[in-house]
Amino acid sequence: MSNLDPAAVTKPVATWRKVVAAILDFIFVFAIAGYAIAQFTGNTTDEGFELKDGPALLLFAIVILYFIVFRRFLGGTVFQRLLGAR
């Protein structure tokens, strides 16, 4: 007999859920943060936004920080939580 608590044993998460969550999270943070930075720096266009140099680096940093902060300190990103991919 095993002394493991059945409630403590978790099933592994399907790989497709992790991949879909990562893609959706990237699109989500890229679109929102990118548009916000473009509005603030005046880089909006008729089609959306276009970031170069400093604003593009800022967006890149925000995307990285989003994944680090949400996964480490908040228990998972938005779409990891929605898709159960934690």
Protein backbone atom coordinates (compact mmCIF):
# COMPACT_ATOMS: atom_id res chain seq x y z
CA MET A 1 0.00 0.00 0.00
CA SER A 2 1.08 3.47 -0.76
CA ASN A 3 0.99 6.37 1.69
CA LEU A 4 0.33 8.90 -1.08
CA ASP A 5 -2.72 11.08 -0.75
CA PRO A 6 -4.76 10.74 -3.99
CA ALA A 7 -5.66 14.44 -3.84
CA ALA A 8 -1.95 15.38 -3.76
CA VAL A 9 -1.12 13.46 -6.95
CA THR A 10 -1.65 15.59 -10.05
CA LYS A 11 -1.86 14.50 -13.65
CA PRO A 12 0.62 16.01 -16.09
CA VAL A 13 -0.71 18.83 -18.24
CA ALA A 14 -1.12 18.16 -21.96
CA THR A 15 1.59 19.77 -24.07
CA TRP A 16 -0.92 21.32 -26.47
CA ARG A 17 -2.46 23.29 -23.59
CA LYS A 18 0.93 24.73 -22.63
CA VAL A 19 1.73 25.69 -26.23
CA VAL A 20 -1.67 27.27 -26.89
CA ALA A 21 -1.52 29.16 -23.58
CA ALA A 22 1.96 30.52 -24.40
CA ILE A 23 0.90 31.66 -27.87
CA LEU A 24 -2.28 33.33 -26.60
CA ASP A 25 -0.41 34.98 -23.73
CA PHE A 26 2.20 36.37 -26.12
CA ILE A 27 -0.43 37.79 -28.49
CA PHE A 28 -2.40 39.19 -25.55
CA VAL A 29 0.49 41.02 -23.88
CA PHE A 30 2.05 42.08 -27.20
CA ALA A 31 -1.17 43.67 -28.45
CA ILE A 32 -2.12 45.42 -25.22
CA ALA A 33 1.33 46.60 -24.15
CA GLY A 34 2.35 47.42 -27.72
CA TYR A 35 -0.67 49.59 -28.34
CA ALA A 36 -0.30 51.31 -24.95
CA ILE A 37 3.36 52.12 -25.64
CA ALA A 38 2.49 53.30 -29.16
CA GLN A 39 -0.21 55.61 -27.80
CA PHE A 40 2.17 57.03 -25.22
CA THR A 41 5.03 57.56 -27.71
CA GLY A 42 2.90 58.63 -30.68
CA ASN A 43 3.72 55.60 -32.84
CA THR A 44 0.20 54.61 -33.81
CA THR A 45 -0.69 54.08 -37.47
CA ASP A 46 -3.92 53.51 -39.39
CA GLU A 47 -3.25 49.76 -39.25
CA GLY A 48 -2.32 49.66 -35.54
CA PHE A 49 1.13 50.57 -34.27
CA GLU A 50 4.78 50.54 -35.31
CA LEU A 51 7.51 50.53 -32.68
CA LYS A 52 11.22 51.05 -33.31
CA ASP A 53 14.32 51.47 -31.13
CA GLY A 54 13.55 52.31 -27.48
CA PRO A 55 9.80 51.67 -27.53
CA ALA A 56 10.35 48.28 -29.18
CA LEU A 57 12.91 47.34 -26.52
CA LEU A 58 10.48 48.44 -23.82
CA LEU A 59 7.78 46.20 -25.31
CA PHE A 60 10.23 43.29 -25.44
CA ALA A 61 11.09 43.83 -21.76
CA ILE A 62 7.41 43.99 -20.78
CA VAL A 63 6.66 40.71 -22.57
CA ILE A 64 9.52 38.98 -20.74
CA LEU A 65 8.53 40.49 -17.38
CA TYR A 66 4.91 39.43 -17.93
CA PHE A 67 5.89 35.77 -18.23
CA ILE A 68 8.37 35.90 -15.32
CA VAL A 69 6.16 37.78 -12.87
CA PHE A 70 2.92 35.96 -13.62
CA ARG A 71 4.45 32.48 -13.57
CA ARG A 72 6.65 32.98 -10.51
CA PHE A 73 4.62 35.26 -8.27
CA LEU A 74 1.00 34.99 -9.41
CA GLY A 75 0.63 31.27 -10.01
CA GLY A 76 0.48 31.31 -13.80
CA THR A 77 -0.25 33.57 -16.72
CA VAL A 78 -3.78 34.54 -17.74
CA PHE A 79 -4.17 31.84 -20.38
CA GLN A 80 -2.37 29.19 -18.33
CA ARG A 81 -5.05 29.68 -15.73
CA LEU A 82 -7.90 29.74 -18.26
CA LEU A 83 -6.70 26.59 -20.05
CA GLY A 84 -5.62 24.78 -16.90
CA ALA A 85 -2.02 24.58 -18.12
CA ARG A 86 -0.25 25.34 -14.83
